[in-house]
Amino acid sequence: MVNQLVFTNILKEQNMAKHPGFAKAQAQIAKNVTPRAGETKKQAAGAILASAARHASPAAKKANPALKHVAMPKKK
């Protein structure tokens, strides 16, 4: 839920109706994130964005089919 709020707030700040693209969204999230130990801000932002994409609503996936192609993280 928090991940979706962060992404939604970014879109509201930019006053955008369309998705800015995953790389740009990740860069915006990285400005506001605190990474865990041994993790970069970019990696943390990527994890937040991927989580939000995996939990996107069916309506969001219909509007942006790229959300269907976000893979689950590999288990170590």
N, C-alpha and C. Protein backbone atom coordinates (compact mmCIF):
# COMPACT_ATOMS: atom_id res chain seq x y z
N MET A 1 0.82 -1.19 0.00
CA MET A 1 0.00 0.00 0.00
C MET A 1 0.87 1.25 0.00
N VAL A 2 1.92 1.24 0.79
CA VAL A 2 2.81 2.40 0.86
C VAL A 2 3.48 2.61 -0.49
N ASN A 3 3.88 1.51 -1.16
CA ASN A 3 4.53 1.62 -2.45
C ASN A 3 3.63 2.31 -3.46
N GLN A 4 2.36 1.96 -3.46
CA GLN A 4 1.43 2.56 -4.40
C GLN A 4 1.22 4.03 -4.07
N LEU A 5 1.22 4.37 -2.80
CA LEU A 5 1.06 5.77 -2.41
C LEU A 5 2.24 6.61 -2.88
N VAL A 6 3.44 6.07 -2.76
CA VAL A 6 4.64 6.79 -3.20
C VAL A 6 4.54 7.06 -4.69
N PHE A 7 4.19 6.04 -5.46
CA PHE A 7 4.11 6.17 -6.91
C PHE A 7 2.99 7.13 -7.30
N THR A 8 1.85 7.03 -6.62
CA THR A 8 0.72 7.91 -6.91
C THR A 8 1.08 9.36 -6.61
N ASN A 9 1.79 9.59 -5.51
CA ASN A 9 2.20 10.95 -5.16
C ASN A 9 3.16 11.52 -6.20
N ILE A 10 4.02 10.68 -6.74
CA ILE A 10 4.96 11.14 -7.77
C ILE A 10 4.18 11.60 -9.00
N LEU A 11 3.18 10.82 -9.40
CA LEU A 11 2.39 11.21 -10.56
C LEU A 11 1.62 12.50 -10.30
N LYS A 12 1.12 12.67 -9.08
CA LYS A 12 0.40 13.90 -8.74
C LYS A 12 1.33 15.10 -8.74
N GLU A 13 2.56 14.92 -8.23
CA GLU A 13 3.53 16.01 -8.20
C GLU A 13 3.85 16.46 -9.61
N GLN A 14 3.97 15.53 -10.51
CA GLN A 14 4.32 15.85 -11.89
C GLN A 14 3.09 16.23 -12.70
N ASN A 15 1.89 16.09 -12.11
CA ASN A 15 0.64 16.41 -12.77
C ASN A 15 0.54 15.69 -14.11
N MET A 16 0.81 14.39 -14.08
CA MET A 16 0.82 13.59 -15.30
C MET A 16 -0.34 12.62 -15.31
N ALA A 17 -0.92 12.43 -16.46
CA ALA A 17 -1.98 11.45 -16.61
C ALA A 17 -1.41 10.13 -17.10
N LYS A 18 -0.34 10.18 -17.87
CA LYS A 18 0.25 8.96 -18.42
C LYS A 18 1.43 8.52 -17.57
N HIS A 19 1.74 7.25 -17.69
CA HIS A 19 2.89 6.67 -16.98
C HIS A 19 4.17 7.26 -17.54
N PRO A 20 5.09 7.74 -16.68
CA PRO A 20 6.31 8.37 -17.18
C PRO A 20 7.35 7.38 -17.71
N GLY A 21 7.12 6.10 -17.50
CA GLY A 21 8.10 5.09 -17.88
C GLY A 21 8.75 4.54 -16.62
N PHE A 22 9.12 3.27 -16.67
CA PHE A 22 9.63 2.62 -15.47
C PHE A 22 10.95 3.21 -15.01
N ALA A 23 11.84 3.55 -15.92
CA ALA A 23 13.14 4.09 -15.52
C ALA A 23 12.99 5.45 -14.85
N LYS A 24 12.14 6.30 -15.39
CA LYS A 24 11.94 7.62 -14.80
C LYS A 24 11.23 7.51 -13.46
N ALA A 25 10.26 6.60 -13.37
CA ALA A 25 9.55 6.40 -12.10
C ALA A 25 10.51 5.89 -11.03
N GLN A 26 11.42 4.98 -11.42
CA GLN A 26 12.40 4.45 -10.48
C GLN A 26 13.33 5.56 -10.00
N ALA A 27 13.73 6.45 -10.89
CA ALA A 27 14.60 7.56 -10.51
C ALA A 27 13.89 8.50 -9.54
N GLN A 28 12.61 8.75 -9.77
CA GLN A 28 11.85 9.62 -8.87
C GLN A 28 11.69 8.99 -7.48
N ILE A 29 11.42 7.70 -7.45
CA ILE A 29 11.27 7.00 -6.17
C ILE A 29 12.60 6.99 -5.42
N ALA A 30 13.71 6.83 -6.15
CA ALA A 30 15.03 6.76 -5.53
C ALA A 30 15.38 8.03 -4.77
N LYS A 31 14.80 9.16 -5.16
CA LYS A 31 15.08 10.42 -4.46
C LYS A 31 14.53 10.41 -3.04
N ASN A 32 13.48 9.62 -2.80
CA ASN A 32 12.78 9.66 -1.50
C ASN A 32 12.91 8.38 -0.68
N VAL A 33 13.71 7.44 -1.11
CA VAL A 33 13.76 6.14 -0.44
C VAL A 33 15.00 6.01 0.42
N THR A 34 14.87 5.24 1.49
CA THR A 34 16.01 4.90 2.34
C THR A 34 16.32 3.43 2.13
N PRO A 35 17.47 3.12 1.52
CA PRO A 35 17.78 1.72 1.23
C PRO A 35 18.17 0.93 2.47
N ARG A 36 17.98 -0.38 2.38
CA ARG A 36 18.43 -1.26 3.45
C ARG A 36 19.93 -1.44 3.35
N ALA A 37 20.53 -2.08 4.33
CA ALA A 37 21.98 -2.29 4.35
C ALA A 37 22.42 -3.09 3.14
N GLY A 38 23.47 -2.64 2.47
CA GLY A 38 24.02 -3.33 1.32
C GLY A 38 23.21 -3.13 0.04
N GLU A 39 22.33 -2.15 0.02
CA GLU A 39 21.46 -1.92 -1.12
C GLU A 39 21.59 -0.45 -1.54
N THR A 40 21.59 -0.21 -2.84
CA THR A 40 21.65 1.17 -3.32
C THR A 40 20.24 1.75 -3.37
N LYS A 41 20.17 3.07 -3.49
CA LYS A 41 18.86 3.72 -3.60
C LYS A 41 18.14 3.25 -4.86
N LYS A 42 18.89 3.05 -5.94
CA LYS A 42 18.29 2.61 -7.20
C LYS A 42 17.70 1.20 -7.05
N GLN A 43 18.39 0.31 -6.36
CA GLN A 43 17.88 -1.05 -6.15
C GLN A 43 16.63 -1.02 -5.28
N ALA A 44 16.64 -0.21 -4.24
CA ALA A 44 15.48 -0.10 -3.36
C ALA A 44 14.28 0.45 -4.12
N ALA A 45 14.52 1.46 -4.95
CA ALA A 45 13.45 2.05 -5.74
C ALA A 45 12.90 1.04 -6.74
N GLY A 46 13.78 0.25 -7.33
CA GLY A 46 13.35 -0.78 -8.27
C GLY A 46 12.47 -1.82 -7.60
N ALA A 47 12.81 -2.17 -6.37
CA ALA A 47 12.02 -3.14 -5.63
C ALA A 47 10.63 -2.58 -5.30
N ILE A 48 10.57 -1.32 -4.93
CA ILE A 48 9.29 -0.67 -4.63
C ILE A 48 8.43 -0.61 -5.88
N LEU A 49 9.03 -0.21 -6.98
CA LEU A 49 8.29 -0.09 -8.23
C LEU A 49 7.80 -1.45 -8.72
N ALA A 50 8.63 -2.48 -8.62
CA ALA A 50 8.23 -3.82 -9.04
C ALA A 50 7.10 -4.35 -8.17
N SER A 51 7.19 -4.11 -6.88
CA SER A 51 6.12 -4.54 -5.97
C SER A 51 4.80 -3.87 -6.31
N ALA A 52 4.86 -2.57 -6.57
CA ALA A 52 3.65 -1.83 -6.93
C ALA A 52 3.08 -2.34 -8.25
N ALA A 53 3.95 -2.67 -9.19
CA ALA A 53 3.48 -3.18 -10.49
C ALA A 53 2.84 -4.56 -10.34
N ARG A 54 3.41 -5.41 -9.48
CA ARG A 54 2.83 -6.74 -9.28
C ARG A 54 1.48 -6.67 -8.59
N HIS A 55 1.27 -5.66 -7.77
CA HIS A 55 0.02 -5.52 -7.03
C HIS A 55 -0.96 -4.56 -7.72
N ALA A 56 -0.69 -4.21 -8.96
CA ALA A 56 -1.56 -3.27 -9.68
C ALA A 56 -2.92 -3.90 -9.93
N SER A 57 -3.92 -3.05 -10.00
CA SER A 57 -5.29 -3.51 -10.23
C SER A 57 -5.45 -4.01 -11.66
N PRO A 58 -6.46 -4.84 -11.91
CA PRO A 58 -6.72 -5.28 -13.28
C PRO A 58 -6.97 -4.11 -14.24
N ALA A 59 -7.60 -3.05 -13.76
CA ALA A 59 -7.84 -1.88 -14.61
C ALA A 59 -6.52 -1.22 -15.00
N ALA A 60 -5.58 -1.15 -14.06
CA ALA A 60 -4.27 -0.56 -14.35
C ALA A 60 -3.52 -1.42 -15.36
N LYS A 61 -3.61 -2.74 -15.21
CA LYS A 61 -2.93 -3.64 -16.15
C LYS A 61 -3.55 -3.55 -17.53
N LYS A 62 -4.85 -3.30 -17.60
CA LYS A 62 -5.50 -3.14 -18.89
C LYS A 62 -5.03 -1.84 -19.56
N ALA A 63 -4.88 -0.79 -18.78
CA ALA A 63 -4.44 0.49 -19.31
C ALA A 63 -2.96 0.47 -19.69
N ASN A 64 -2.15 -0.30 -18.97
CA ASN A 64 -0.71 -0.38 -19.22
C ASN A 64 -0.29 -1.84 -19.23
N PRO A 65 -0.34 -2.51 -20.38
CA PRO A 65 -0.02 -3.94 -20.46
C PRO A 65 1.40 -4.30 -20.01
N ALA A 66 2.31 -3.33 -19.97
CA ALA A 66 3.68 -3.61 -19.53
C ALA A 66 3.71 -4.07 -18.08
N LEU A 67 2.68 -3.75 -17.30
CA LEU A 67 2.63 -4.18 -15.90
C LEU A 67 2.52 -5.70 -15.78
N LYS A 68 2.03 -6.36 -16.81
CA LYS A 68 1.88 -7.81 -16.78
C LYS A 68 3.22 -8.53 -16.90
N HIS A 69 4.24 -7.84 -17.33
CA HIS A 69 5.54 -8.47 -17.60
C HIS A 69 6.56 -8.29 -16.50
N VAL A 70 6.15 -7.78 -15.35
CA VAL A 70 7.07 -7.59 -14.23
C VAL A 70 7.23 -8.94 -13.53
N ALA A 71 8.46 -9.44 -13.50
CA ALA A 71 8.73 -10.77 -12.95
C ALA A 71 8.84 -10.75 -11.43
N MET A 72 8.58 -11.88 -10.83
CA MET A 72 8.77 -12.05 -9.39
C MET A 72 10.27 -12.11 -9.12
N PRO A 73 10.71 -11.68 -7.94
CA PRO A 73 12.13 -11.73 -7.64
C PRO A 73 12.60 -13.18 -7.50
N LYS A 74 13.86 -13.40 -7.87
CA LYS A 74 14.45 -14.73 -7.76
C LYS A 74 14.81 -15.01 -6.31
N LYS A 75 14.47 -16.20 -5.85
CA LYS A 75 14.81 -16.57 -4.48
C LYS A 75 16.26 -17.03 -4.42
N LYS A 76 16.92 -16.65 -3.34
CA LYS A 76 18.33 -17.01 -3.20
C LYS A 76 18.49 -18.30 -2.46
